[in-house]
Amino acid sequence: MSGLTDLVDSLENKLEKLIQNMDLLKEQNQKLEDEISKSAIIISSQSDEITSLKEQNETLRMANSLLGSNDNKRETKLKINSLIREIDYCIAQLSD
């Protein structure tokens, strides 16, 4: 009987250790999930900022070209032509 009791005690100890390890792993998992959430928010924020900065950069290029810079004249002319076509299309739609 003593051997059986020792075996049960050993199993109980191992089970307690497993439960402690499981609890520890659950805590670590929760921390990692929180980090993932925070990282996703940061990535989204940075993505929005990148988009905004790209738009600002394009606006500044356009303004620079309109002010007489030779660097982006072709792009500016294309943009102006595109805007003129849109205006012509709108006028055609209004006159119908």
PDB file of N, CA and C in Angstrom:
ATOM      1  N   MET A   1       0.804  -1.191   0.000  1.00  0.00           N
ATOM      2  CA  MET A   1       0.000   0.000   0.000  1.00  0.00           C
ATOM      3  C   MET A   1       0.850   1.259   0.000  1.00  0.00           C
ATOM      4  N   SER A   2       1.977   1.173   0.668  1.00  0.00           N
ATOM      5  CA  SER A   2       2.859   2.333   0.747  1.00  0.00           C
ATOM      6  C   SER A   2       3.329   2.740  -0.635  1.00  0.00           C
ATOM      7  N   GLY A   3       3.591   1.777  -1.498  1.00  0.00           N
ATOM      8  CA  GLY A   3       4.041   2.071  -2.857  1.00  0.00           C
ATOM      9  C   GLY A   3       2.956   2.762  -3.665  1.00  0.00           C
ATOM     10  N   LEU A   4       1.724   2.328  -3.458  1.00  0.00           N
ATOM     11  CA  LEU A   4       0.589   2.943  -4.158  1.00  0.00           C
ATOM     12  C   LEU A   4       0.384   4.371  -3.687  1.00  0.00           C
ATOM     13  N   THR A   5       0.515   4.620  -2.402  1.00  0.00           N
ATOM     14  CA  THR A   5       0.376   5.963  -1.843  1.00  0.00           C
ATOM     15  C   THR A   5       1.472   6.873  -2.386  1.00  0.00           C
ATOM     16  N   ASP A   6       2.675   6.354  -2.449  1.00  0.00           N
ATOM     17  CA  ASP A   6       3.788   7.143  -2.997  1.00  0.00           C
ATOM     18  C   ASP A   6       3.535   7.494  -4.465  1.00  0.00           C
ATOM     19  N   LEU A   7       3.002   6.523  -5.193  1.00  0.00           N
ATOM     20  CA  LEU A   7       2.696   6.738  -6.614  1.00  0.00           C
ATOM     21  C   LEU A   7       1.624   7.812  -6.776  1.00  0.00           C
ATOM     22  N   VAL A   8       0.590   7.761  -5.949  1.00  0.00           N
ATOM     23  CA  VAL A   8      -0.483   8.759  -6.002  1.00  0.00           C
ATOM     24  C   VAL A   8       0.070  10.130  -5.622  1.00  0.00           C
ATOM     25  N   ASP A   9       0.892  10.190  -4.598  1.00  0.00           N
ATOM     26  CA  ASP A   9       1.494  11.466  -4.188  1.00  0.00           C
ATOM     27  C   ASP A   9       2.372  12.025  -5.308  1.00  0.00           C
ATOM     28  N   SER A  10       3.113  11.157  -5.938  1.00  0.00           N
ATOM     29  CA  SER A  10       3.975  11.583  -7.043  1.00  0.00           C
ATOM     30  C   SER A  10       3.135  12.131  -8.199  1.00  0.00           C
ATOM     31  N   LEU A  11       2.049  11.433  -8.504  1.00  0.00           N
ATOM     32  CA  LEU A  11       1.150  11.900  -9.575  1.00  0.00           C
ATOM     33  C   LEU A  11       0.509  13.248  -9.213  1.00  0.00           C
ATOM     34  N   GLU A  12       0.111  13.402  -7.955  1.00  0.00           N
ATOM     35  CA  GLU A  12      -0.474  14.668  -7.505  1.00  0.00           C
ATOM     36  C   GLU A  12       0.538  15.808  -7.643  1.00  0.00           C
ATOM     37  N   ASN A  13       1.780  15.562  -7.257  1.00  0.00           N
ATOM     38  CA  ASN A  13       2.822  16.585  -7.373  1.00  0.00           C
ATOM     39  C   ASN A  13       3.049  16.963  -8.838  1.00  0.00           C
ATOM     40  N   LYS A  14       3.120  15.930  -9.680  1.00  0.00           N
ATOM     41  CA  LYS A  14       3.322  16.205 -11.105  1.00  0.00           C
ATOM     42  C   LYS A  14       2.136  16.962 -11.692  1.00  0.00           C
ATOM     43  N   LEU A  15       0.939  16.597 -11.263  1.00  0.00           N
ATOM     44  CA  LEU A  15      -0.259  17.282 -11.732  1.00  0.00           C
ATOM     45  C   LEU A  15      -0.268  18.745 -11.283  1.00  0.00           C
ATOM     46  N   GLU A  16       0.117  18.996 -10.048  1.00  0.00           N
ATOM     47  CA  GLU A  16       0.189  20.370  -9.547  1.00  0.00           C
ATOM     48  C   GLU A  16       1.206  21.191 -10.352  1.00  0.00           C
ATOM     49  N   LYS A  17       2.354  20.570 -10.655  1.00  0.00           N
ATOM     50  CA  LYS A  17       3.363  21.263 -11.458  1.00  0.00           C
ATOM     51  C   LYS A  17       2.833  21.562 -12.858  1.00  0.00           C
ATOM     52  N   LEU A  18       2.124  20.592 -13.426  1.00  0.00           N
ATOM     53  CA  LEU A  18       1.532  20.809 -14.754  1.00  0.00           C
ATOM     54  C   LEU A  18       0.511  21.949 -14.732  1.00  0.00           C
ATOM     55  N   ILE A  19      -0.293  21.982 -13.690  1.00  0.00           N
ATOM     56  CA  ILE A  19      -1.295  23.050 -13.559  1.00  0.00           C
ATOM     57  C   ILE A  19      -0.611  24.400 -13.397  1.00  0.00           C
ATOM     58  N   GLN A  20       0.449  24.456 -12.603  1.00  0.00           N
ATOM     59  CA  GLN A  20       1.202  25.705 -12.440  1.00  0.00           C
ATOM     60  C   GLN A  20       1.813  26.139 -13.769  1.00  0.00           C
ATOM     61  N   ASN A  21       2.392  25.182 -14.494  1.00  0.00           N
ATOM     62  CA  ASN A  21       2.971  25.503 -15.799  1.00  0.00           C
ATOM     63  C   ASN A  21       1.887  25.991 -16.775  1.00  0.00           C
ATOM     64  N   MET A  22       0.733  25.350 -16.719  1.00  0.00           N
ATOM     65  CA  MET A  22      -0.360  25.760 -17.595  1.00  0.00           C
ATOM     66  C   MET A  22      -0.804  27.186 -17.260  1.00  0.00           C
ATOM     67  N   ASP A  23      -0.927  27.482 -15.985  1.00  0.00           N
ATOM     68  CA  ASP A  23      -1.314  28.835 -15.576  1.00  0.00           C
ATOM     69  C   ASP A  23      -0.276  29.860 -16.025  1.00  0.00           C
ATOM     70  N   LEU A  24       0.986  29.515 -15.866  1.00  0.00           N
ATOM     71  CA  LEU A  24       2.064  30.401 -16.294  1.00  0.00           C
ATOM     72  C   LEU A  24       2.003  30.628 -17.804  1.00  0.00           C
ATOM     73  N   LEU A  25       1.777  29.554 -18.540  1.00  0.00           N
ATOM     74  CA  LEU A  25       1.684  29.675 -20.001  1.00  0.00           C
ATOM     75  C   LEU A  25       0.463  30.491 -20.425  1.00  0.00           C
ATOM     76  N   LYS A  26      -0.629  30.358 -19.699  1.00  0.00           N
ATOM     77  CA  LYS A  26      -1.817  31.170 -19.994  1.00  0.00           C
ATOM     78  C   LYS A  26      -1.515  32.655 -19.792  1.00  0.00           C
ATOM     79  N   GLU A  27      -0.813  32.974 -18.715  1.00  0.00           N
ATOM     80  CA  GLU A  27      -0.442  34.374 -18.454  1.00  0.00           C
ATOM     81  C   GLU A  27       0.478  34.900 -19.554  1.00  0.00           C
ATOM     82  N   GLN A  28       1.456  34.094 -19.927  1.00  0.00           N
ATOM     83  CA  GLN A  28       2.373  34.509 -20.990  1.00  0.00           C
ATOM     84  C   GLN A  28       1.627  34.686 -22.309  1.00  0.00           C
ATOM     85  N   ASN A  29       0.718  33.786 -22.575  1.00  0.00           N
ATOM     86  CA  ASN A  29      -0.073  33.870 -23.795  1.00  0.00           C
ATOM     87  C   ASN A  29      -0.900  35.150 -23.805  1.00  0.00           C
ATOM     88  N   GLN A  30      -1.503  35.488 -22.680  1.00  0.00           N
ATOM     89  CA  GLN A  30      -2.305  36.711 -22.590  1.00  0.00           C
ATOM     90  C   GLN A  30      -1.436  37.944 -22.809  1.00  0.00           C
ATOM     91  N   LYS A  31      -0.244  37.946 -22.226  1.00  0.00           N
ATOM     92  CA  LYS A  31       0.678  39.067 -22.419  1.00  0.00           C
ATOM     93  C   LYS A  31       1.052  39.206 -23.889  1.00  0.00           C
ATOM     94  N   LEU A  32       1.317  38.082 -24.538  1.00  0.00           N
ATOM     95  CA  LEU A  32       1.678  38.115 -25.955  1.00  0.00           C
ATOM     96  C   LEU A  32       0.503  38.587 -26.818  1.00  0.00           C
ATOM     97  N   GLU A  33      -0.692  38.166 -26.472  1.00  0.00           N
ATOM     98  CA  GLU A  33      -1.870  38.631 -27.211  1.00  0.00           C
ATOM     99  C   GLU A  33      -2.057  40.138 -27.030  1.00  0.00           C
ATOM    100  N   ASP A  34      -1.802  40.626 -25.823  1.00  0.00           N
ATOM    101  CA  ASP A  34      -1.885  42.066 -25.586  1.00  0.00           C
ATOM    102  C   ASP A  34      -0.841  42.810 -26.413  1.00  0.00           C
ATOM    103  N   GLU A  35       0.357  42.256 -26.476  1.00  0.00           N
ATOM    104  CA  GLU A  35       1.415  42.872 -27.291  1.00  0.00           C
ATOM    105  C   GLU A  35       1.026  42.893 -28.760  1.00  0.00           C
ATOM    106  N   ILE A  36       0.428  41.813 -29.230  1.00  0.00           N
ATOM    107  CA  ILE A  36      -0.011  41.750 -30.627  1.00  0.00           C
ATOM    108  C   ILE A  36      -1.051  42.821 -30.893  1.00  0.00           C
ATOM    109  N   SER A  37      -1.986  42.991 -29.970  1.00  0.00           N
ATOM    110  CA  SER A  37      -3.018  44.023 -30.126  1.00  0.00           C
ATOM    111  C   SER A  37      -2.396  45.412 -30.188  1.00  0.00           C
ATOM    112  N   LYS A  38      -1.478  45.674 -29.272  1.00  0.00           N
ATOM    113  CA  LYS A  38      -0.816  46.977 -29.257  1.00  0.00           C
ATOM    114  C   LYS A  38      -0.031  47.192 -30.547  1.00  0.00           C
ATOM    115  N   SER A  39       0.645  46.146 -30.995  1.00  0.00           N
ATOM    116  CA  SER A  39       1.427  46.260 -32.235  1.00  0.00           C
ATOM    117  C   SER A  39       0.528  46.513 -33.431  1.00  0.00           C
ATOM    118  N   ALA A  40      -0.621  45.859 -33.460  1.00  0.00           N
ATOM    119  CA  ALA A  40      -1.566  46.068 -34.564  1.00  0.00           C
ATOM    120  C   ALA A  40      -2.066  47.510 -34.580  1.00  0.00           C
ATOM    121  N   ILE A  41      -2.321  48.062 -33.405  1.00  0.00           N
ATOM    122  CA  ILE A  41      -2.770  49.455 -33.322  1.00  0.00           C
ATOM    123  C   ILE A  41      -1.666  50.386 -33.800  1.00  0.00           C
ATOM    124  N   ILE A  42      -0.445  50.122 -33.390  1.00  0.00           N
ATOM    125  CA  ILE A  42       0.691  50.952 -33.810  1.00  0.00           C
ATOM    126  C   ILE A  42       0.878  50.864 -35.322  1.00  0.00           C
ATOM    127  N   ILE A  43       0.779  49.655 -35.873  1.00  0.00           N
ATOM    128  CA  ILE A  43       0.937  49.474 -37.315  1.00  0.00           C
ATOM    129  C   ILE A  43      -0.141  50.241 -38.073  1.00  0.00           C
ATOM    130  N   SER A  44      -1.364  50.155 -37.595  1.00  0.00           N
ATOM    131  CA  SER A  44      -2.462  50.872 -38.240  1.00  0.00           C
ATOM    132  C   SER A  44      -2.228  52.377 -38.193  1.00  0.00           C
ATOM    133  N   SER A  45      -1.796  52.853 -37.049  1.00  0.00           N
ATOM    134  CA  SER A  45      -1.512  54.280 -36.886  1.00  0.00           C
ATOM    135  C   SER A  45      -0.394  54.723 -37.823  1.00  0.00           C
ATOM    136  N   GLN A  46       0.651  53.929 -37.891  1.00  0.00           N
ATOM    137  CA  GLN A  46       1.780  54.278 -38.751  1.00  0.00           C
ATOM    138  C   GLN A  46       1.394  54.202 -40.222  1.00  0.00           C
ATOM    139  N   SER A  47       0.538  53.276 -40.564  1.00  0.00           N
ATOM    140  CA  SER A  47       0.067  53.160 -41.944  1.00  0.00           C
ATOM    141  C   SER A  47      -0.734  54.406 -42.334  1.00  0.00           C
ATOM    142  N   ASP A  48      -1.594  54.859 -41.425  1.00  0.00           N
ATOM    143  CA  ASP A  48      -2.354  56.093 -41.680  1.00  0.00           C
ATOM    144  C   ASP A  48      -1.416  57.281 -41.823  1.00  0.00           C
ATOM    145  N   GLU A  49      -0.398  57.325 -40.976  1.00  0.00           N
ATOM    146  CA  GLU A  49       0.559  58.424 -41.042  1.00  0.00           C
ATOM    147  C   GLU A  49       1.338  58.393 -42.355  1.00  0.00           C
ATOM    148  N   ILE A  50       1.712  57.205 -42.801  1.00  0.00           N
ATOM    149  CA  ILE A  50       2.430  57.075 -44.074  1.00  0.00           C
ATOM    150  C   ILE A  50       1.567  57.568 -45.214  1.00  0.00           C
ATOM    151  N   THR A  51       0.296  57.187 -45.216  1.00  0.00           N
ATOM    152  CA  THR A  51      -0.623  57.630 -46.261  1.00  0.00           C
ATOM    153  C   THR A  51      -0.741  59.146 -46.258  1.00  0.00           C
ATOM    154  N   SER A  52      -0.876  59.708 -45.083  1.00  0.00           N
ATOM    155  CA  SER A  52      -0.991  61.168 -44.960  1.00  0.00           C
ATOM    156  C   SER A  52       0.275  61.856 -45.462  1.00  0.00           C
ATOM    157  N   LEU A  53       1.427  61.319 -45.082  1.00  0.00           N
ATOM    158  CA  LEU A  53       2.692  61.916 -45.512  1.00  0.00           C
ATOM    159  C   LEU A  53       2.887  61.799 -47.020  1.00  0.00           C
ATOM    160  N   LYS A  54       2.442  60.691 -47.602  1.00  0.00           N
ATOM    161  CA  LYS A  54       2.526  60.541 -49.057  1.00  0.00           C
ATOM    162  C   LYS A  54       1.667  61.595 -49.756  1.00  0.00           C
ATOM    163  N   GLU A  55       0.464  61.818 -49.212  1.00  0.00           N
ATOM    164  CA  GLU A  55      -0.414  62.837 -49.786  1.00  0.00           C
ATOM    165  C   GLU A  55       0.215  64.226 -49.662  1.00  0.00           C
ATOM    166  N   GLN A  56       0.786  64.506 -48.514  1.00  0.00           N
ATOM    167  CA  GLN A  56       1.440  65.799 -48.320  1.00  0.00           C
ATOM    168  C   GLN A  56       2.622  65.952 -49.269  1.00  0.00           C
ATOM    169  N   ASN A  57       3.372  64.878 -49.446  1.00  0.00           N
ATOM    170  CA  ASN A  57       4.512  64.911 -50.344  1.00  0.00           C
ATOM    171  C   ASN A  57       4.059  65.203 -51.775  1.00  0.00           C
ATOM    172  N   GLU A  58       2.986  64.554 -52.210  1.00  0.00           N
ATOM    173  CA  GLU A  58       2.468  64.781 -53.559  1.00  0.00           C
ATOM    174  C   GLU A  58       1.978  66.219 -53.710  1.00  0.00           C
ATOM    175  N   THR A  59       1.322  66.724 -52.688  1.00  0.00           N
ATOM    176  CA  THR A  59       0.843  68.106 -52.721  1.00  0.00           C
ATOM    177  C   THR A  59       2.013  69.078 -52.804  1.00  0.00           C
ATOM    178  N   LEU A  60       3.051  68.817 -52.029  1.00  0.00           N
ATOM    179  CA  LEU A  60       4.225  69.689 -52.054  1.00  0.00           C
ATOM    180  C   LEU A  60       4.938  69.618 -53.406  1.00  0.00           C
ATOM    181  N   ARG A  61       5.001  68.442 -53.996  1.00  0.00           N
ATOM    182  CA  ARG A  61       5.599  68.329 -55.330  1.00  0.00           C
ATOM    183  C   ARG A  61       4.823  69.145 -56.344  1.00  0.00           C
ATOM    184  N   MET A  62       3.504  69.034 -56.264  1.00  0.00           N
ATOM    185  CA  MET A  62       2.650  69.763 -57.187  1.00  0.00           C
ATOM    186  C   MET A  62       2.833  71.272 -57.001  1.00  0.00           C
ATOM    187  N   ALA A  63       2.821  71.705 -55.755  1.00  0.00           N
ATOM    188  CA  ALA A  63       2.991  73.129 -55.481  1.00  0.00           C
ATOM    189  C   ALA A  63       4.363  73.605 -55.950  1.00  0.00           C
ATOM    190  N   ASN A  64       5.373  72.796 -55.727  1.00  0.00           N
ATOM    191  CA  ASN A  64       6.721  73.140 -56.152  1.00  0.00           C
ATOM    192  C   ASN A  64       6.788  73.269 -57.678  1.00  0.00           C
ATOM    193  N   SER A  65       6.127  72.365 -58.367  1.00  0.00           N
ATOM    194  CA  SER A  65       6.116  72.426 -59.827  1.00  0.00           C
ATOM    195  C   SER A  65       5.394  73.668 -60.323  1.00  0.00           C
ATOM    196  N   LEU A  66       4.295  73.979 -59.656  1.00  0.00           N
ATOM    197  CA  LEU A  66       3.531  75.165 -60.064  1.00  0.00           C
ATOM    198  C   LEU A  66       4.305  76.450 -59.799  1.00  0.00           C
ATOM    199  N   LEU A  67       5.200  76.405 -58.853  1.00  0.00           N
ATOM    200  CA  LEU A  67       5.983  77.589 -58.524  1.00  0.00           C
ATOM    201  C   LEU A  67       7.197  77.757 -59.444  1.00  0.00           C
ATOM    202  N   GLY A  68       7.365  76.837 -60.360  1.00  0.00           N
ATOM    203  CA  GLY A  68       8.421  77.021 -61.334  1.00  0.00           C
ATOM    204  C   GLY A  68       9.544  76.025 -61.281  1.00  0.00           C
ATOM    205  N   SER A  69       9.444  75.030 -60.453  1.00  0.00           N
ATOM    206  CA  SER A  69      10.494  74.011 -60.392  1.00  0.00           C
ATOM    207  C   SER A  69      10.407  73.116 -61.629  1.00  0.00           C
ATOM    208  N   ASN A  70      11.541  72.745 -62.165  1.00  0.00           N
ATOM    209  CA  ASN A  70      11.579  71.908 -63.360  1.00  0.00           C
ATOM    210  C   ASN A  70      11.503  70.417 -63.046  1.00  0.00           C
ATOM    211  N   ASP A  71      11.623  70.055 -61.799  1.00  0.00           N
ATOM    212  CA  ASP A  71      11.718  68.646 -61.427  1.00  0.00           C
ATOM    213  C   ASP A  71      10.456  67.838 -61.772  1.00  0.00           C
ATOM    214  N   ASN A  72       9.311  68.392 -61.504  1.00  0.00           N
ATOM    215  CA  ASN A  72       8.077  67.611 -61.662  1.00  0.00           C
ATOM    216  C   ASN A  72       7.102  68.250 -62.652  1.00  0.00           C
ATOM    217  N   LYS A  73       7.600  68.943 -63.630  1.00  0.00           N
ATOM    218  CA  LYS A  73       6.722  69.639 -64.570  1.00  0.00           C
ATOM    219  C   LYS A  73       5.835  68.668 -65.338  1.00  0.00           C
ATOM    220  N   ARG A  74       6.410  67.559 -65.764  1.00  0.00           N
ATOM    221  CA  ARG A  74       5.634  66.596 -66.545  1.00  0.00           C
ATOM    222  C   ARG A  74       4.462  66.071 -65.727  1.00  0.00           C
ATOM    223  N   GLU A  75       4.726  65.700 -64.480  1.00  0.00           N
ATOM    224  CA  GLU A  75       3.674  65.198 -63.603  1.00  0.00           C
ATOM    225  C   GLU A  75       2.601  66.258 -63.381  1.00  0.00           C
ATOM    226  N   THR A  76       3.019  67.498 -63.222  1.00  0.00           N
ATOM    227  CA  THR A  76       2.072  68.580 -63.004  1.00  0.00           C
ATOM    228  C   THR A  76       1.207  68.783 -64.233  1.00  0.00           C
ATOM    229  N   LYS A  77       1.825  68.765 -65.413  1.00  0.00           N
ATOM    230  CA  LYS A  77       1.056  68.929 -66.652  1.00  0.00           C
ATOM    231  C   LYS A  77       0.045  67.800 -66.799  1.00  0.00           C
ATOM    232  N   LEU A  78       0.464  66.585 -66.500  1.00  0.00           N
ATOM    233  CA  LEU A  78      -0.463  65.453 -66.578  1.00  0.00           C
ATOM    234  C   LEU A  78      -1.626  65.615 -65.606  1.00  0.00           C
ATOM    235  N   LYS A  79      -1.328  66.076 -64.414  1.00  0.00           N
ATOM    236  CA  LYS A  79      -2.378  66.285 -63.411  1.00  0.00           C
ATOM    237  C   LYS A  79      -3.340  67.383 -63.855  1.00  0.00           C
ATOM    238  N   ILE A  80      -2.800  68.471 -64.387  1.00  0.00           N
ATOM    239  CA  ILE A  80      -3.642  69.571 -64.863  1.00  0.00           C
ATOM    240  C   ILE A  80      -4.515  69.085 -66.014  1.00  0.00           C
ATOM    241  N   ASN A  81      -3.933  68.329 -66.950  1.00  0.00           N
ATOM    242  CA  ASN A  81      -4.714  67.794 -68.061  1.00  0.00           C
ATOM    243  C   ASN A  81      -5.816  66.864 -67.572  1.00  0.00           C
ATOM    244  N   SER A  82      -5.506  66.069 -66.569  1.00  0.00           N
ATOM    245  CA  SER A  82      -6.507  65.183 -65.988  1.00  0.00           C
ATOM    246  C   SER A  82      -7.642  65.985 -65.365  1.00  0.00           C
ATOM    247  N   LEU A  83      -7.305  67.042 -64.651  1.00  0.00           N
ATOM    248  CA  LEU A  83      -8.326  67.896 -64.040  1.00  0.00           C
ATOM    249  C   LEU A  83      -9.175  68.579 -65.108  1.00  0.00           C
ATOM    250  N   ILE A  84      -8.551  69.021 -66.188  1.00  0.00           N
ATOM    251  CA  ILE A  84      -9.288  69.667 -67.280  1.00  0.00           C
ATOM    252  C   ILE A  84     -10.265  68.677 -67.906  1.00  0.00           C
ATOM    253  N   ARG A  85      -9.818  67.428 -68.112  1.00  0.00           N
ATOM    254  CA  ARG A  85     -10.718  66.410 -68.669  1.00  0.00           C
ATOM    255  C   ARG A  85     -11.900  66.170 -67.738  1.00  0.00           C
ATOM    256  N   GLU A  86     -11.643  66.120 -66.438  1.00  0.00           N
ATOM    257  CA  GLU A  86     -12.739  65.938 -65.483  1.00  0.00           C
ATOM    258  C   GLU A  86     -13.718  67.094 -65.537  1.00  0.00           C
ATOM    259  N   ILE A  87     -13.198  68.308 -65.631  1.00  0.00           N
ATOM    260  CA  ILE A  87     -14.060  69.495 -65.721  1.00  0.00           C
ATOM    261  C   ILE A  87     -14.873  69.456 -67.012  1.00  0.00           C
ATOM    262  N   ASP A  88     -14.231  69.104 -68.130  1.00  0.00           N
ATOM    263  CA  ASP A  88     -14.943  68.993 -69.400  1.00  0.00           C
ATOM    264  C   ASP A  88     -16.050  67.954 -69.317  1.00  0.00           C
ATOM    265  N   TYR A  89     -15.762  66.829 -68.672  1.00  0.00           N
ATOM    266  CA  TYR A  89     -16.760  65.775 -68.515  1.00  0.00           C
ATOM    267  C   TYR A  89     -17.944  66.281 -67.693  1.00  0.00           C
ATOM    268  N   CYS A  90     -17.647  66.992 -66.624  1.00  0.00           N
ATOM    269  CA  CYS A  90     -18.721  67.540 -65.776  1.00  0.00           C
ATOM    270  C   CYS A  90     -19.568  68.543 -66.555  1.00  0.00           C
ATOM    271  N   ILE A  91     -18.920  69.391 -67.344  1.00  0.00           N
ATOM    272  CA  ILE A  91     -19.659  70.375 -68.136  1.00  0.00           C
ATOM    273  C   ILE A  91     -20.542  69.656 -69.143  1.00  0.00           C
ATOM    274  N   ALA A  92     -20.002  68.607 -69.772  1.00  0.00           N
ATOM    275  CA  ALA A  92     -20.795  67.835 -70.736  1.00  0.00           C
ATOM    276  C   ALA A  92     -21.992  67.188 -70.053  1.00  0.00           C
ATOM    277  N   GLN A  93     -21.806  66.680 -68.840  1.00  0.00           N
ATOM    278  CA  GLN A  93     -22.909  66.073 -68.106  1.00  0.00           C
ATOM    279  C   GLN A  93     -23.989  67.096 -67.736  1.00  0.00           C
ATOM    280  N   LEU A  94     -23.540  68.284 -67.384  1.00  0.00           N
ATOM    281  CA  LEU A  94     -24.486  69.346 -67.006  1.00  0.00           C
ATOM    282  C   LEU A  94     -25.262  69.872 -68.218  1.00  0.00           C
ATOM    283  N   SER A  95     -24.632  69.887 -69.386  1.00  0.00           N
ATOM    284  CA  SER A  95     -25.288  70.441 -70.564  1.00  0.00           C
ATOM    285  C   SER A  95     -26.267  69.456 -71.188  1.00  0.00           C
ATOM    286  N   ASP A  96     -26.200  68.175 -70.808  1.00  0.00           N
ATOM    287  CA  ASP A  96     -27.147  67.190 -71.372  1.00  0.00           C
ATOM    288  C   ASP A  96     -28.489  67.290 -70.762  1.00  0.00           C
TER     289      ASP A  96
END
